[in-house]
Amino acid sequence: MLQTSIGLKREFTTDGDAYFVLEIGMDPETRVSIVEPDMNTLLTNLPEYLTTIIQTQILIDQPAKEDAQ
């Protein structure tokens, strides 16, 4: 089972414009941060982001065949 965390933050530029930061992952070395100024775009693309991140994490966590022998 893949264990992870997901966090969503609203932050502001120096000009006062809001943007959203979606952070996925518990490990700081492999955590993914997605920055998007539009919440609707972020939510629309979320399934694609999650699919890519999960597939990548599965590939990273799988032992090489020679390691398993």
Protein backbone atom coordinates (compact mmCIF):
# COMPACT_ATOMS: atom_id res chain seq x y z
CA MET A 1 0.00 0.00 0.00
CA LEU A 2 1.27 3.44 -0.91
CA GLN A 3 1.31 5.82 2.05
CA THR A 4 1.39 9.52 1.32
CA SER A 5 0.04 12.85 2.41
CA ILE A 6 -1.68 15.60 0.46
CA GLY A 7 -1.80 19.25 1.43
CA LEU A 8 -3.33 22.28 -0.26
CA LYS A 9 -2.25 25.81 0.63
CA ARG A 10 -3.28 29.21 -0.64
CA GLU A 11 -0.38 31.63 -0.83
CA PHE A 12 0.09 35.12 -2.18
CA THR A 13 2.60 36.76 -4.50
CA THR A 14 4.31 40.00 -3.53
CA ASP A 15 1.63 41.74 -5.63
CA GLY A 16 -1.12 40.19 -3.51
CA ASP A 17 -2.34 37.74 -6.15
CA ALA A 18 -3.44 34.37 -4.75
CA TYR A 19 -2.16 31.03 -6.01
CA PHE A 20 -2.50 27.47 -4.79
CA VAL A 21 0.18 24.96 -3.88
CA LEU A 22 -0.74 21.27 -3.84
CA GLU A 23 1.90 19.17 -2.08
CA ILE A 24 1.82 15.40 -2.45
CA GLY A 25 4.17 13.13 -0.53
CA MET A 26 5.60 12.68 2.94
CA ASP A 27 9.30 12.47 2.06
CA PRO A 28 10.84 15.91 1.44
CA GLU A 29 13.18 14.40 -1.16
CA THR A 30 10.38 12.97 -3.30
CA ARG A 31 7.53 15.36 -2.45
CA VAL A 32 5.80 16.91 -5.45
CA SER A 33 4.59 20.51 -5.34
CA ILE A 34 2.15 21.71 -7.99
CA VAL A 35 1.63 25.46 -8.22
CA GLU A 36 -1.47 26.75 -9.98
CA PRO A 37 -3.08 30.21 -9.85
CA ASP A 38 -6.55 28.85 -10.70
CA MET A 39 -8.27 26.42 -8.31
CA ASN A 40 -10.61 25.08 -11.02
CA THR A 41 -7.65 24.20 -13.25
CA LEU A 42 -5.91 22.51 -10.33
CA LEU A 43 -8.98 20.41 -9.53
CA THR A 44 -9.59 19.55 -13.19
CA ASN A 45 -6.01 18.29 -13.58
CA LEU A 46 -5.85 16.56 -10.19
CA PRO A 47 -6.69 13.02 -11.45
CA GLU A 48 -3.89 13.24 -14.03
CA TYR A 49 -1.42 14.54 -11.43
CA LEU A 50 -2.30 11.77 -8.99
CA THR A 51 -2.07 9.04 -11.62
CA THR A 52 1.39 10.19 -12.69
CA ILE A 53 2.65 10.53 -9.13
CA ILE A 54 1.32 7.13 -8.04
CA GLN A 55 2.78 5.37 -11.09
CA THR A 56 6.14 7.05 -10.51
CA GLN A 57 6.14 6.11 -6.82
CA ILE A 58 5.32 2.48 -7.62
CA LEU A 59 8.26 2.33 -10.03
CA ILE A 60 10.59 3.83 -7.42
CA ASP A 61 9.44 1.43 -4.68
CA GLN A 62 9.67 -1.77 -6.77
CA PRO A 63 12.89 -3.70 -6.14
CA ALA A 64 14.97 -4.53 -9.17
CA LYS A 65 14.63 -8.16 -10.31
CA GLU A 66 18.25 -8.93 -9.44
CA ASP A 67 17.68 -7.54 -5.92
CA ALA A 68 14.70 -9.83 -5.38
CA GLN A 69 16.66 -13.02 -6.13
